[in-house]
Amino acid sequence: MTENLTPKKRQAIEALFTCPDITAAAKQAGISRGTMYRWMKEPAFLEALNNASLQALEGLSRKLLNLGGKAAETLRVTLDDDFIPAGARIRAADIVLSRILQLQELVELNNRVSELERRINHDNQKAD
């Protein structure tokens, strides 16, 4: 959806993902902080930002899913071998598996909310 935005607005969205705060993102994008906040109230900008957030979350989810097999194998090997010092390895595997489930829940929830918003917008357009 960023194709409908100006290059500056696309830069601003990218900066929001790479900078620690809005002030730094505005500076990186070459705009004022006030402009960034104003843009963040515009429906098209917000939609593009939300889409970019969803894509980033889905990408991270895929990366964690790829680690899931290693985490599960680490658990299997560690649980099967009484001679391996397991504390740190089990904890790391547990963290990866927990995050996979959490991220999957977030992606599914985001998809459901997006669908509800789409339906509400569709219904509102019909009413007009």
N, C-alpha and C. Protein backbone atom coordinates (compact mmCIF):
# COMPACT_ATOMS: atom_id res chain seq x y z
N MET A 1 0.80 -1.20 0.00
CA MET A 1 0.00 0.00 0.00
C MET A 1 0.84 1.26 0.00
N THR A 2 2.15 1.13 0.12
CA THR A 2 2.99 2.32 0.16
C THR A 2 3.13 2.96 -1.22
N GLU A 3 2.69 2.27 -2.28
CA GLU A 3 2.85 2.85 -3.62
C GLU A 3 2.03 4.13 -3.78
N ASN A 4 1.00 4.33 -2.96
CA ASN A 4 0.18 5.53 -3.04
C ASN A 4 0.74 6.68 -2.19
N LEU A 5 1.84 6.42 -1.51
CA LEU A 5 2.44 7.43 -0.64
C LEU A 5 3.59 8.13 -1.35
N THR A 6 3.88 9.35 -0.90
CA THR A 6 5.03 10.07 -1.43
C THR A 6 6.30 9.37 -0.98
N PRO A 7 7.40 9.61 -1.67
CA PRO A 7 8.68 9.01 -1.24
C PRO A 7 9.03 9.37 0.21
N LYS A 8 8.75 10.61 0.62
CA LYS A 8 9.04 11.03 1.99
C LYS A 8 8.23 10.21 2.99
N LYS A 9 6.98 9.96 2.67
CA LYS A 9 6.14 9.18 3.58
C LYS A 9 6.63 7.73 3.65
N ARG A 10 7.08 7.20 2.52
CA ARG A 10 7.63 5.84 2.53
C ARG A 10 8.91 5.80 3.38
N GLN A 11 9.73 6.85 3.26
CA GLN A 11 10.94 6.95 4.08
C GLN A 11 10.57 7.02 5.56
N ALA A 12 9.53 7.77 5.86
CA ALA A 12 9.10 7.91 7.26
C ALA A 12 8.67 6.57 7.83
N ILE A 13 7.93 5.80 7.06
CA ILE A 13 7.49 4.48 7.54
C ILE A 13 8.70 3.58 7.77
N GLU A 14 9.63 3.60 6.85
CA GLU A 14 10.84 2.79 7.01
C GLU A 14 11.60 3.23 8.26
N ALA A 15 11.70 4.53 8.46
CA ALA A 15 12.43 5.06 9.62
C ALA A 15 11.76 4.67 10.93
N LEU A 16 10.44 4.59 10.93
CA LEU A 16 9.73 4.19 12.15
C LEU A 16 10.11 2.77 12.59
N PHE A 17 10.56 1.95 11.64
CA PHE A 17 10.96 0.59 11.98
C PHE A 17 12.43 0.47 12.35
N THR A 18 13.22 1.48 12.02
CA THR A 18 14.65 1.36 12.26
C THR A 18 15.16 2.30 13.35
N CYS A 19 14.34 3.22 13.79
CA CYS A 19 14.76 4.19 14.79
C CYS A 19 14.13 3.90 16.15
N PRO A 20 14.80 4.33 17.22
CA PRO A 20 14.29 4.00 18.55
C PRO A 20 13.04 4.78 18.98
N ASP A 21 12.80 5.94 18.34
CA ASP A 21 11.62 6.73 18.71
C ASP A 21 11.18 7.59 17.53
N ILE A 22 10.04 8.25 17.70
CA ILE A 22 9.44 9.03 16.61
C ILE A 22 10.32 10.22 16.22
N THR A 23 10.93 10.86 17.22
CA THR A 23 11.80 12.01 16.93
C THR A 23 12.97 11.59 16.04
N ALA A 24 13.60 10.49 16.38
CA ALA A 24 14.73 10.00 15.58
C ALA A 24 14.26 9.57 14.19
N ALA A 25 13.08 8.95 14.11
CA ALA A 25 12.54 8.53 12.81
C ALA A 25 12.26 9.73 11.93
N ALA A 26 11.69 10.78 12.51
CA ALA A 26 11.43 12.00 11.74
C ALA A 26 12.72 12.59 11.22
N LYS A 27 13.72 12.65 12.08
CA LYS A 27 15.02 13.20 11.67
C LYS A 27 15.62 12.38 10.53
N GLN A 28 15.57 11.06 10.66
CA GLN A 28 16.12 10.19 9.61
C GLN A 28 15.38 10.39 8.29
N ALA A 29 14.07 10.59 8.37
CA ALA A 29 13.26 10.77 7.16
C ALA A 29 13.36 12.19 6.60
N GLY A 30 14.00 13.09 7.35
CA GLY A 30 14.17 14.46 6.87
C GLY A 30 12.91 15.31 7.00
N ILE A 31 12.12 15.01 8.03
CA ILE A 31 10.89 15.78 8.28
C ILE A 31 10.87 16.20 9.75
N SER A 32 9.97 17.09 10.07
CA SER A 32 9.85 17.51 11.47
C SER A 32 9.06 16.48 12.26
N ARG A 33 9.22 16.52 13.57
CA ARG A 33 8.49 15.61 14.45
C ARG A 33 6.98 15.86 14.31
N GLY A 34 6.61 17.14 14.20
CA GLY A 34 5.20 17.48 14.04
C GLY A 34 4.60 16.90 12.77
N THR A 35 5.37 16.94 11.69
CA THR A 35 4.92 16.35 10.42
C THR A 35 4.72 14.85 10.58
N MET A 36 5.63 14.19 11.27
CA MET A 36 5.50 12.75 11.49
C MET A 36 4.21 12.46 12.25
N TYR A 37 3.95 13.21 13.31
CA TYR A 37 2.71 12.99 14.08
C TYR A 37 1.47 13.28 13.24
N ARG A 38 1.54 14.30 12.42
CA ARG A 38 0.39 14.63 11.56
C ARG A 38 0.15 13.51 10.57
N TRP A 39 1.22 13.01 9.95
CA TRP A 39 1.08 11.92 9.00
C TRP A 39 0.51 10.67 9.68
N MET A 40 0.90 10.46 10.93
CA MET A 40 0.45 9.27 11.64
C MET A 40 -1.05 9.31 11.96
N LYS A 41 -1.69 10.42 11.67
CA LYS A 41 -3.14 10.53 11.82
C LYS A 41 -3.88 10.34 10.49
N GLU A 42 -3.13 10.32 9.40
CA GLU A 42 -3.73 10.17 8.07
C GLU A 42 -4.07 8.69 7.82
N PRO A 43 -5.29 8.41 7.38
CA PRO A 43 -5.70 7.01 7.16
C PRO A 43 -4.78 6.24 6.21
N ALA A 44 -4.38 6.83 5.10
CA ALA A 44 -3.54 6.11 4.13
C ALA A 44 -2.16 5.80 4.73
N PHE A 45 -1.61 6.75 5.47
CA PHE A 45 -0.31 6.54 6.11
C PHE A 45 -0.43 5.45 7.17
N LEU A 46 -1.47 5.53 7.99
CA LEU A 46 -1.68 4.53 9.03
C LEU A 46 -1.88 3.14 8.44
N GLU A 47 -2.63 3.06 7.36
CA GLU A 47 -2.84 1.77 6.72
C GLU A 47 -1.51 1.19 6.22
N ALA A 48 -0.71 2.03 5.59
CA ALA A 48 0.60 1.57 5.09
C ALA A 48 1.50 1.17 6.25
N LEU A 49 1.48 1.94 7.33
CA LEU A 49 2.28 1.62 8.51
C LEU A 49 1.82 0.31 9.13
N ASN A 50 0.52 0.12 9.24
CA ASN A 50 -0.01 -1.13 9.78
C ASN A 50 0.33 -2.32 8.90
N ASN A 51 0.25 -2.14 7.58
CA ASN A 51 0.62 -3.22 6.66
C ASN A 51 2.10 -3.56 6.79
N ALA A 52 2.93 -2.53 6.91
CA ALA A 52 4.37 -2.76 7.08
C ALA A 52 4.65 -3.48 8.40
N SER A 53 3.91 -3.11 9.43
CA SER A 53 4.07 -3.78 10.73
C SER A 53 3.69 -5.25 10.63
N LEU A 54 2.60 -5.52 9.96
CA LEU A 54 2.14 -6.89 9.79
C LEU A 54 3.16 -7.70 9.00
N GLN A 55 3.69 -7.14 7.94
CA GLN A 55 4.70 -7.84 7.14
C GLN A 55 5.95 -8.12 7.97
N ALA A 56 6.37 -7.15 8.78
CA ALA A 56 7.55 -7.35 9.62
C ALA A 56 7.29 -8.45 10.65
N LEU A 57 6.11 -8.44 11.24
CA LEU A 57 5.76 -9.46 12.23
C LEU A 57 5.69 -10.84 11.59
N GLU A 58 5.12 -10.93 10.40
CA GLU A 58 5.05 -12.21 9.71
C GLU A 58 6.44 -12.72 9.34
N GLY A 59 7.32 -11.81 8.93
CA GLY A 59 8.70 -12.20 8.61
C GLY A 59 9.43 -12.72 9.84
N LEU A 60 9.26 -12.03 10.95
CA LEU A 60 9.88 -12.48 12.19
C LEU A 60 9.31 -13.82 12.62
N SER A 61 8.03 -13.98 12.45
CA SER A 61 7.38 -15.25 12.80
C SER A 61 7.96 -16.39 11.97
N ARG A 62 8.16 -16.16 10.67
CA ARG A 62 8.74 -17.20 9.81
C ARG A 62 10.16 -17.55 10.26
N LYS A 63 10.94 -16.53 10.64
CA LYS A 63 12.31 -16.79 11.11
C LYS A 63 12.29 -17.62 12.38
N LEU A 64 11.40 -17.29 13.30
CA LEU A 64 11.31 -18.07 14.53
C LEU A 64 10.81 -19.48 14.27
N LEU A 65 9.89 -19.61 13.33
CA LEU A 65 9.42 -20.96 12.98
C LEU A 65 10.56 -21.81 12.45
N ASN A 66 11.45 -21.19 11.68
CA ASN A 66 12.60 -21.92 11.17
C ASN A 66 13.52 -22.38 12.30
N LEU A 67 13.58 -21.60 13.38
CA LEU A 67 14.39 -22.00 14.53
C LEU A 67 13.68 -23.07 15.38
N GLY A 68 12.39 -23.18 15.20
CA GLY A 68 11.62 -24.11 16.01
C GLY A 68 12.09 -25.55 15.90
N GLY A 69 12.44 -25.97 14.71
CA GLY A 69 12.94 -27.34 14.52
C GLY A 69 14.22 -27.58 15.30
N LYS A 70 15.13 -26.60 15.27
CA LYS A 70 16.37 -26.72 16.04
C LYS A 70 16.08 -26.76 17.54
N ALA A 71 15.15 -25.91 17.97
CA ALA A 71 14.80 -25.88 19.39
C ALA A 71 14.21 -27.21 19.83
N ALA A 72 13.33 -27.75 19.02
CA ALA A 72 12.71 -29.04 19.36
C ALA A 72 13.77 -30.15 19.37
N GLU A 73 14.69 -30.11 18.41
CA GLU A 73 15.76 -31.12 18.38
C GLU A 73 16.67 -30.97 19.59
N THR A 74 16.96 -29.74 19.98
CA THR A 74 17.78 -29.51 21.18
C THR A 74 17.10 -30.11 22.41
N LEU A 75 15.81 -29.90 22.51
CA LEU A 75 15.07 -30.49 23.63
C LEU A 75 15.14 -32.01 23.58
N ARG A 76 14.93 -32.58 22.38
CA ARG A 76 14.95 -34.04 22.25
C ARG A 76 16.31 -34.61 22.66
N VAL A 77 17.39 -34.05 22.11
CA VAL A 77 18.73 -34.55 22.41
C VAL A 77 19.04 -34.37 23.88
N THR A 78 18.72 -33.20 24.40
CA THR A 78 19.03 -32.91 25.80
C THR A 78 18.24 -33.81 26.74
N LEU A 79 16.98 -34.00 26.44
CA LEU A 79 16.17 -34.84 27.30
C LEU A 79 16.56 -36.32 27.22
N ASP A 80 17.08 -36.73 26.07
CA ASP A 80 17.47 -38.13 25.89
C ASP A 80 18.86 -38.45 26.45
N ASP A 81 19.71 -37.45 26.60
CA ASP A 81 21.10 -37.68 27.01
C ASP A 81 21.33 -37.12 28.41
N ASP A 82 21.50 -38.02 29.38
CA ASP A 82 21.68 -37.62 30.78
C ASP A 82 23.03 -36.96 31.04
N PHE A 83 23.98 -37.03 30.11
CA PHE A 83 25.32 -36.50 30.33
C PHE A 83 25.52 -35.07 29.81
N ILE A 84 24.55 -34.54 29.09
CA ILE A 84 24.66 -33.18 28.55
C ILE A 84 24.21 -32.18 29.60
N PRO A 85 25.05 -31.18 29.91
CA PRO A 85 24.59 -30.12 30.80
C PRO A 85 23.49 -29.34 30.09
N ALA A 86 22.28 -29.46 30.57
CA ALA A 86 21.13 -29.07 29.80
C ALA A 86 20.53 -27.71 30.15
N GLY A 87 20.86 -27.13 31.26
CA GLY A 87 20.17 -25.93 31.72
C GLY A 87 20.02 -24.82 30.70
N ALA A 88 21.13 -24.31 30.19
CA ALA A 88 21.08 -23.18 29.26
C ALA A 88 20.46 -23.58 27.92
N ARG A 89 20.75 -24.78 27.44
CA ARG A 89 20.21 -25.21 26.16
C ARG A 89 18.70 -25.42 26.22
N ILE A 90 18.23 -25.99 27.31
CA ILE A 90 16.79 -26.18 27.45
C ILE A 90 16.09 -24.84 27.56
N ARG A 91 16.67 -23.92 28.31
CA ARG A 91 16.06 -22.60 28.46
C ARG A 91 15.98 -21.90 27.11
N ALA A 92 17.05 -21.96 26.31
CA ALA A 92 17.04 -21.32 24.99
C ALA A 92 15.98 -21.96 24.09
N ALA A 93 15.90 -23.26 24.11
CA ALA A 93 14.90 -23.95 23.29
C ALA A 93 13.50 -23.57 23.74
N ASP A 94 13.30 -23.50 25.05
CA ASP A 94 12.00 -23.12 25.59
C ASP A 94 11.60 -21.71 25.17
N ILE A 95 12.55 -20.80 25.18
CA ILE A 95 12.27 -19.42 24.77
C ILE A 95 11.83 -19.38 23.31
N VAL A 96 12.55 -20.07 22.43
CA VAL A 96 12.20 -20.07 21.01
C VAL A 96 10.81 -20.64 20.79
N LEU A 97 10.52 -21.76 21.41
CA LEU A 97 9.21 -22.37 21.23
C LEU A 97 8.10 -21.49 21.77
N SER A 98 8.33 -20.85 22.91
CA SER A 98 7.32 -19.94 23.48
C SER A 98 7.07 -18.76 22.56
N ARG A 99 8.12 -18.21 22.01
CA ARG A 99 7.97 -17.04 21.13
C ARG A 99 7.27 -17.42 19.83
N ILE A 100 7.52 -18.60 19.34
CA ILE A 100 6.82 -19.05 18.12
C ILE A 100 5.32 -19.03 18.37
N LEU A 101 4.90 -19.58 19.47
CA LEU A 101 3.47 -19.63 19.78
C LEU A 101 2.91 -18.23 19.98
N GLN A 102 3.63 -17.37 20.68
CA GLN A 102 3.16 -16.01 20.91
C GLN A 102 3.04 -15.24 19.60
N LEU A 103 4.04 -15.34 18.75
CA LEU A 103 4.00 -14.62 17.49
C LEU A 103 2.90 -15.14 16.59
N GLN A 104 2.70 -16.43 16.58
CA GLN A 104 1.62 -16.99 15.76
C GLN A 104 0.27 -16.46 16.23
N GLU A 105 0.09 -16.38 17.54
CA GLU A 105 -1.15 -15.82 18.08
C GLU A 105 -1.33 -14.37 17.67
N LEU A 106 -0.23 -13.60 17.71
CA LEU A 106 -0.31 -12.20 17.30
C LEU A 106 -0.66 -12.05 15.83
N VAL A 107 -0.04 -12.85 14.99
CA VAL A 107 -0.33 -12.78 13.55
C VAL A 107 -1.79 -13.13 13.29
N GLU A 108 -2.27 -14.19 13.93
CA GLU A 108 -3.66 -14.58 13.74
C GLU A 108 -4.62 -13.51 14.24
N LEU A 109 -4.32 -12.93 15.39
CA LEU A 109 -5.16 -11.87 15.93
C LEU A 109 -5.16 -10.65 15.02
N ASN A 110 -3.98 -10.29 14.53
CA ASN A 110 -3.88 -9.16 13.61
C ASN A 110 -4.68 -9.42 12.34
N ASN A 111 -4.62 -10.62 11.82
CA ASN A 111 -5.39 -10.96 10.62
C ASN A 111 -6.88 -10.87 10.88
N ARG A 112 -7.31 -11.32 12.04
CA ARG A 112 -8.73 -11.27 12.38
C ARG A 112 -9.20 -9.82 12.52
N VAL A 113 -8.40 -8.99 13.19
CA VAL A 113 -8.75 -7.58 13.36
C VAL A 113 -8.80 -6.89 11.99
N SER A 114 -7.83 -7.17 11.14
CA SER A 114 -7.81 -6.58 9.80
C SER A 114 -9.06 -6.96 9.01
N GLU A 115 -9.47 -8.20 9.12
CA GLU A 115 -10.68 -8.65 8.42
C GLU A 115 -11.91 -7.95 8.97
N LEU A 116 -11.99 -7.80 10.28
CA LEU A 116 -13.11 -7.08 10.89
C LEU A 116 -13.14 -5.63 10.43
N GLU A 117 -11.97 -4.99 10.39
CA GLU A 117 -11.90 -3.60 9.92
C GLU A 117 -12.33 -3.51 8.47
N ARG A 118 -11.90 -4.47 7.65
CA ARG A 118 -12.29 -4.47 6.24
C ARG A 118 -13.80 -4.58 6.11
N ARG A 119 -14.40 -5.47 6.89
CA ARG A 119 -15.85 -5.65 6.84
C ARG A 119 -16.59 -4.40 7.31
N ILE A 120 -16.09 -3.78 8.37
CA ILE A 120 -16.72 -2.55 8.87
C ILE A 120 -16.64 -1.46 7.83
N ASN A 121 -15.47 -1.30 7.20
CA ASN A 121 -15.33 -0.29 6.14
C ASN A 121 -16.24 -0.58 4.98
N HIS A 122 -16.35 -1.86 4.62
CA HIS A 122 -17.23 -2.26 3.51
C HIS A 122 -18.68 -1.94 3.85
N ASP A 123 -19.10 -2.27 5.08
CA ASP A 123 -20.47 -2.00 5.51
C ASP A 123 -20.75 -0.50 5.57
N ASN A 124 -19.76 0.27 6.01
CA ASN A 124 -19.92 1.73 6.08
C ASN A 124 -20.05 2.34 4.68
N GLN A 125 -19.30 1.78 3.73
CA GLN A 125 -19.40 2.28 2.35
C GLN A 125 -20.76 1.95 1.76
N LYS A 126 -21.31 0.80 2.10
CA LYS A 126 -22.64 0.44 1.62
C LYS A 126 -23.69 1.39 2.18
N ALA A 127 -23.51 1.76 3.45
CA ALA A 127 -24.48 2.64 4.11
C ALA A 127 -24.48 4.04 3.52
N ASP A 128 -23.35 4.46 2.99
CA ASP A 128 -23.25 5.80 2.39
C ASP A 128 -23.95 5.79 1.08
